[in-house]
Amino acid sequence: MTSRRIAYQGEPGANSDMVCQQHYPDCQTVPCASFEDVFAAVSGGEADLAMIPIDNSIAGRVADIHHFLPTSGLHIVAEHFLRIQFSLLGVPGATLDTIRTVHSHVHALGQCRKIIREYGLTTVISGDTAGAAREISEAGDVTQAAISPPLAAKIYGLDVLASDIEDEEHNTTRFVVLSREPRRAEAGRGPVVTSFVFNVRNLPAALYKALGGFATNGVNMTKLESYMVDGTFTGATQFLAEVDGHPDDVPVARALEELAFFTTDVTMLGVYPADPSRASTR
């Protein structure tokens, strides 16, 4: 029997790879060069699921994802949180005294500023953290280092020069799992998250009125982010929102019904179980 396939952006050893291995150990992983390639792999049937980072507790939202999600035709079916841990890696023979440059994804470099300053390293931006480890492994230069997940050291034969080098201990990334087919969580079977996008009517106080139903019905909104539509500054704005609860719950149903009065459209992205780590990351 052929195992299911799960796609992620990056190279083997990336944080996305780690999450796939932790939560979907029976799935075959499919590394992709870009987020666009990940979405295309699932849409085209090359993969069954996608593991996508959507938010980081330090860097904020992963911007590209929010533009792909509403038009992808894919559905959020799960979420997972990963405590981010970075190591400083070098080729055999490298030490903290020999390294001069450090390679990594721009977000990882921004999350490890203290050690970069401490050793006066010159930063070099790579496509992803695991790719940075591969690059310095291939270069074989003791003056080059990479900021990567610990898993990458084993994969690319590198030495760990320093561990847990991230600036903040609470550094956590939230990932969502996408599928071609919707898989709605059952109501009344534990905490649920409902994700959706909507466009408000281009009228004064439209957003205030659209959100009023969530407040009056006691529904906790955990995310609200805005995006320009068609690149215009004067047109209606699109919003991505997430709430605690299931659309079949009476308070959520009433809030969504009221939302419909003040929007041009509402698109459900997913109704899925809340990860147990969600409560501890707020």
Protein backbone atom coordinates (compact mmCIF):
# COMPACT_ATOMS: atom_id res chain seq x y z
CA MET A 1 0.00 0.00 0.00
CA THR A 2 1.38 3.39 -1.00
CA SER A 3 1.84 5.77 1.93
CA ARG A 4 0.36 9.23 1.88
CA ARG A 5 2.62 12.08 0.84
CA ILE A 6 3.02 15.39 2.65
CA ALA A 7 4.71 18.39 0.98
CA TYR A 8 6.64 21.17 2.68
CA GLN A 9 8.78 24.13 1.66
CA GLY A 10 12.49 23.68 2.20
CA GLU A 11 15.09 20.94 2.16
CA PRO A 12 15.43 17.84 4.34
CA GLY A 13 16.22 18.89 7.91
CA ALA A 14 14.13 22.09 7.83
CA ASN A 15 11.69 22.87 10.65
CA SER A 16 8.80 21.98 8.34
CA ASP A 17 10.42 18.58 7.77
CA MET A 18 10.70 18.09 11.53
CA VAL A 19 7.00 18.83 12.06
CA CYS A 20 6.07 16.38 9.31
CA GLN A 21 8.17 13.65 10.91
CA GLN A 22 6.75 14.33 14.38
CA HIS A 23 3.06 14.34 13.48
CA TYR A 24 2.91 12.33 10.23
CA PRO A 25 5.64 9.68 10.62
CA ASP A 26 3.89 7.31 8.22
CA CYS A 27 3.78 9.87 5.41
CA GLN A 28 6.37 10.22 2.67
CA THR A 29 7.76 13.76 2.76
CA VAL A 30 7.96 15.83 -0.42
CA PRO A 31 10.42 18.77 -0.19
CA CYS A 32 9.53 21.76 -2.41
CA ALA A 33 11.56 24.79 -3.44
CA SER A 34 8.83 27.37 -2.76
CA PHE A 35 5.47 27.75 -1.05
CA GLU A 36 3.87 28.06 -4.46
CA ASP A 37 5.32 24.65 -5.35
CA VAL A 38 3.87 23.18 -2.15
CA PHE A 39 0.37 24.39 -2.99
CA ALA A 40 0.74 23.15 -6.57
CA ALA A 41 1.90 19.72 -5.37
CA VAL A 42 -1.28 19.19 -3.37
CA SER A 43 -3.61 20.77 -5.94
CA GLY A 44 -2.08 18.64 -8.71
CA GLY A 45 -2.17 15.38 -6.77
CA GLU A 46 1.59 14.97 -6.31
CA ALA A 47 1.03 15.15 -2.56
CA ASP A 48 -1.95 14.45 -0.33
CA LEU A 49 -1.23 17.05 2.35
CA ALA A 50 0.84 20.20 2.83
CA MET A 51 2.60 21.37 5.99
CA ILE A 52 2.74 25.17 5.92
CA PRO A 53 4.12 27.65 8.51
CA ILE A 54 1.61 30.42 9.01
CA ASP A 55 2.78 32.42 12.06
CA ASN A 56 5.85 32.80 14.25
CA SER A 57 5.72 34.20 17.78
CA ILE A 58 8.65 36.55 17.00
CA ALA A 59 8.62 37.20 13.24
CA GLY A 60 4.81 37.38 12.92
CA ARG A 61 2.85 36.11 9.95
CA VAL A 62 4.42 34.33 7.01
CA ALA A 63 3.22 36.86 4.45
CA ASP A 64 3.16 34.77 1.26
CA ILE A 65 0.90 32.14 2.78
CA HIS A 66 -2.00 34.49 3.39
CA HIS A 67 -2.08 35.45 -0.27
CA PHE A 68 -2.05 31.83 -1.46
CA LEU A 69 -4.62 30.42 0.97
CA PRO A 70 -7.86 32.14 -0.12
CA THR A 71 -7.48 31.21 -3.79
CA SER A 72 -5.76 27.83 -3.43
CA GLY A 73 -8.92 25.73 -3.20
CA LEU A 74 -7.26 23.81 -0.34
CA HIS A 75 -8.64 23.33 3.15
CA ILE A 76 -7.04 23.60 6.59
CA VAL A 77 -7.53 20.26 8.37
CA ALA A 78 -5.11 20.52 11.31
CA GLU A 79 -2.68 22.79 13.11
CA HIS A 80 0.60 22.03 14.91
CA PHE A 81 2.94 24.16 17.02
CA LEU A 82 6.72 23.73 17.01
CA ARG A 83 9.11 25.22 19.55
CA ILE A 84 11.90 26.53 17.31
CA GLN A 85 15.44 25.53 18.23
CA PHE A 86 18.43 26.62 16.19
CA SER A 87 22.04 25.46 16.26
CA LEU A 88 25.16 27.06 14.83
CA LEU A 89 26.67 24.48 12.48
CA GLY A 90 30.08 24.24 10.85
CA VAL A 91 32.05 21.77 8.78
CA PRO A 92 34.38 19.37 10.64
CA GLY A 93 37.35 21.39 11.83
CA ALA A 94 35.44 24.66 12.14
CA THR A 95 35.27 26.38 15.52
CA LEU A 96 33.71 29.51 16.92
CA ASP A 97 37.08 31.18 16.32
CA THR A 98 37.36 30.23 12.62
CA ILE A 99 33.89 31.21 11.38
CA ARG A 100 33.40 34.61 9.72
CA THR A 101 30.07 34.31 7.87
CA VAL A 102 26.76 32.73 8.83
CA HIS A 103 24.16 31.48 6.32
CA SER A 104 20.43 31.02 6.96
CA HIS A 105 16.89 32.06 6.08
CA VAL A 106 16.27 35.76 6.72
CA HIS A 107 13.81 34.99 9.55
CA ALA A 108 16.27 32.68 11.30
CA LEU A 109 19.02 35.30 11.08
CA GLY A 110 16.63 37.81 12.64
CA GLN A 111 15.80 35.39 15.46
CA CYS A 112 19.47 34.77 16.39
CA ARG A 113 20.88 38.29 16.45
CA LYS A 114 22.68 37.93 19.80
CA ILE A 115 25.14 35.23 18.75
CA ILE A 116 25.68 36.94 15.38
CA ARG A 117 26.66 40.16 17.18
CA GLU A 118 28.72 38.33 19.80
CA TYR A 119 31.01 36.78 17.19
CA GLY A 120 30.83 39.65 14.67
CA LEU A 121 29.57 37.39 11.89
CA THR A 122 28.60 38.57 8.43
CA THR A 123 25.14 37.29 7.48
CA VAL A 124 24.35 35.57 4.17
CA ILE A 125 20.69 34.98 3.30
CA SER A 126 19.73 31.50 2.09
CA GLY A 127 16.44 30.14 0.79
CA ASP A 128 15.80 28.13 3.94
CA THR A 129 17.59 26.96 7.09
CA ALA A 130 18.30 23.40 5.96
CA GLY A 131 19.47 24.66 2.58
CA ALA A 132 22.00 26.84 4.39
CA ALA A 133 23.40 23.73 6.10
CA ARG A 134 23.72 21.97 2.74
CA GLU A 135 25.46 24.99 1.23
CA ILE A 136 28.21 25.17 3.84
CA SER A 137 28.62 21.38 3.81
CA GLU A 138 29.27 21.54 0.07
CA ALA A 139 31.61 24.54 0.46
CA GLY A 140 33.79 22.76 3.04
CA ASP A 141 35.04 26.10 4.35
CA VAL A 142 35.83 26.45 8.08
CA THR A 143 35.05 30.20 7.89
CA GLN A 144 31.41 29.54 7.02
CA ALA A 145 28.63 28.55 9.43
CA ALA A 146 24.90 27.96 9.20
CA ILE A 147 22.00 28.62 11.52
CA SER A 148 19.82 25.54 11.13
CA PRO A 149 17.67 23.06 13.07
CA PRO A 150 19.72 20.38 14.89
CA LEU A 151 18.39 17.70 12.49
CA ALA A 152 20.31 19.32 9.64
CA ALA A 153 23.65 18.60 11.33
CA LYS A 154 23.06 14.84 11.06
CA ILE A 155 21.78 15.01 7.50
CA TYR A 156 24.66 17.10 6.12
CA GLY A 157 27.53 15.81 8.29
CA LEU A 158 28.15 19.04 10.19
CA ASP A 159 29.41 19.79 13.70
CA VAL A 160 27.27 21.67 16.23
CA LEU A 161 29.31 24.69 17.31
CA ALA A 162 26.59 26.10 19.60
CA SER A 163 23.10 24.90 20.56
CA ASP A 164 19.83 26.70 21.36
CA ILE A 165 21.09 29.99 19.95
CA GLU A 166 17.67 31.58 19.33
CA ASP A 167 17.25 34.93 21.12
CA GLU A 168 13.89 34.12 22.73
CA GLU A 169 12.89 30.92 24.53
CA HIS A 170 9.27 31.34 23.46
CA ASN A 171 10.18 31.19 19.76
CA THR A 172 7.33 29.09 18.36
CA THR A 173 5.98 28.56 14.84
CA ARG A 174 2.41 27.56 14.09
CA PHE A 175 1.92 25.26 11.11
CA VAL A 176 -1.32 24.36 9.35
CA VAL A 177 -1.99 21.20 7.35
CA LEU A 178 -3.80 21.59 4.02
CA SER A 179 -5.79 19.05 2.02
CA ARG A 180 -7.67 19.01 -1.28
CA GLU A 181 -10.77 17.66 0.46
CA PRO A 182 -12.41 19.45 3.40
CA ARG A 183 -12.32 17.52 6.64
CA ARG A 184 -14.41 19.38 9.18
CA ALA A 185 -13.91 18.58 12.85
CA GLU A 186 -16.96 17.34 14.70
CA ALA A 187 -18.70 19.73 17.06
CA GLY A 188 -18.64 18.90 20.74
CA ARG A 189 -15.49 16.75 20.52
CA GLY A 190 -13.04 19.22 22.06
CA PRO A 191 -11.63 22.69 21.27
CA VAL A 192 -12.01 23.69 17.62
CA VAL A 193 -10.63 26.54 15.49
CA THR A 194 -12.61 28.03 12.59
CA SER A 195 -10.63 29.93 9.94
CA PHE A 196 -12.23 32.04 7.22
CA VAL A 197 -11.70 35.04 4.95
CA PHE A 198 -14.22 37.77 4.22
CA ASN A 199 -14.55 41.04 2.31
CA VAL A 200 -16.40 43.88 3.98
CA ARG A 201 -18.66 46.18 2.05
CA ASN A 202 -16.93 49.45 1.18
CA LEU A 203 -19.01 51.47 3.65
CA PRO A 204 -18.21 53.50 6.79
CA ALA A 205 -18.03 51.34 9.95
CA ALA A 206 -18.58 48.15 7.92
CA LEU A 207 -15.81 46.27 9.76
CA TYR A 208 -17.06 47.46 13.15
CA LYS A 209 -20.55 46.21 12.36
CA ALA A 210 -19.30 42.97 10.80
CA LEU A 211 -17.36 42.04 13.93
CA GLY A 212 -20.02 43.14 16.38
CA GLY A 213 -21.75 39.77 16.29
CA PHE A 214 -18.67 37.99 17.64
CA ALA A 215 -18.52 40.32 20.62
CA THR A 216 -22.24 40.18 21.44
CA ASN A 217 -22.29 36.39 21.17
CA GLY A 218 -19.17 35.94 23.30
CA VAL A 219 -17.04 34.37 20.54
CA ASN A 220 -13.28 34.75 21.02
CA MET A 221 -11.56 35.97 17.83
CA THR A 222 -7.92 34.91 17.94
CA LYS A 223 -6.76 36.36 14.61
CA LEU A 224 -7.76 39.24 12.36
CA GLU A 225 -5.47 40.35 9.53
CA SER A 226 -6.19 42.62 6.58
CA TYR A 227 -5.03 42.48 2.94
CA MET A 228 -5.50 44.78 -0.01
CA VAL A 229 -7.55 43.30 -2.85
CA ASP A 230 -6.20 43.73 -6.40
CA GLY A 231 -3.46 46.02 -5.12
CA THR A 232 -5.77 49.01 -4.63
CA PHE A 233 -5.76 51.38 -1.66
CA THR A 234 -9.33 52.61 -2.07
CA GLY A 235 -11.27 49.40 -2.64
CA ALA A 236 -12.74 47.00 -0.13
CA THR A 237 -10.31 45.09 2.08
CA GLN A 238 -10.08 41.36 2.59
CA PHE A 239 -9.66 39.95 6.09
CA LEU A 240 -8.46 36.62 7.39
CA ALA A 241 -9.98 35.69 10.73
CA GLU A 242 -9.92 32.83 13.20
CA VAL A 243 -12.25 32.16 16.10
CA ASP A 244 -12.50 29.65 18.90
CA GLY A 245 -15.47 27.38 18.31
CA HIS A 246 -17.37 25.43 15.67
CA PRO A 247 -19.81 26.91 13.09
CA ASP A 248 -22.44 24.53 14.48
CA ASP A 249 -22.10 26.07 17.95
CA VAL A 250 -24.99 28.47 18.44
CA PRO A 251 -22.84 31.53 19.38
CA VAL A 252 -20.52 31.05 16.38
CA ALA A 253 -23.44 30.39 14.03
CA ARG A 254 -25.15 33.59 15.12
CA ALA A 255 -21.95 35.62 14.78
CA LEU A 256 -21.33 34.29 11.26
CA GLU A 257 -24.93 35.04 10.30
CA GLU A 258 -24.51 38.64 11.43
CA LEU A 259 -21.14 38.84 9.62
CA ALA A 260 -22.89 37.98 6.35
CA PHE A 261 -25.02 41.13 6.51
CA PHE A 262 -21.99 43.42 6.28
CA THR A 263 -19.75 41.46 3.89
CA THR A 264 -19.77 40.69 0.18
CA ASP A 265 -18.57 37.12 0.74
CA VAL A 266 -17.29 34.76 3.43
CA THR A 267 -15.08 31.79 2.54
CA MET A 268 -14.42 29.02 5.04
CA LEU A 269 -10.78 27.85 5.05
CA GLY A 270 -11.15 25.15 7.66
CA VAL A 271 -12.78 23.88 10.84
CA TYR A 272 -10.19 21.80 12.67
CA PRO A 273 -9.13 20.59 16.14
CA ALA A 274 -7.14 23.08 18.19
CA ASP A 275 -3.62 21.87 18.87
CA PRO A 276 -3.13 21.11 22.58
CA SER A 277 -0.20 23.56 22.60
CA ARG A 278 -2.46 26.46 21.58
CA ALA A 279 -3.49 27.33 25.14
CA SER A 280 0.12 27.50 26.38
CA THR A 281 1.30 29.72 23.50
CA ARG A 282 -1.16 32.57 24.09
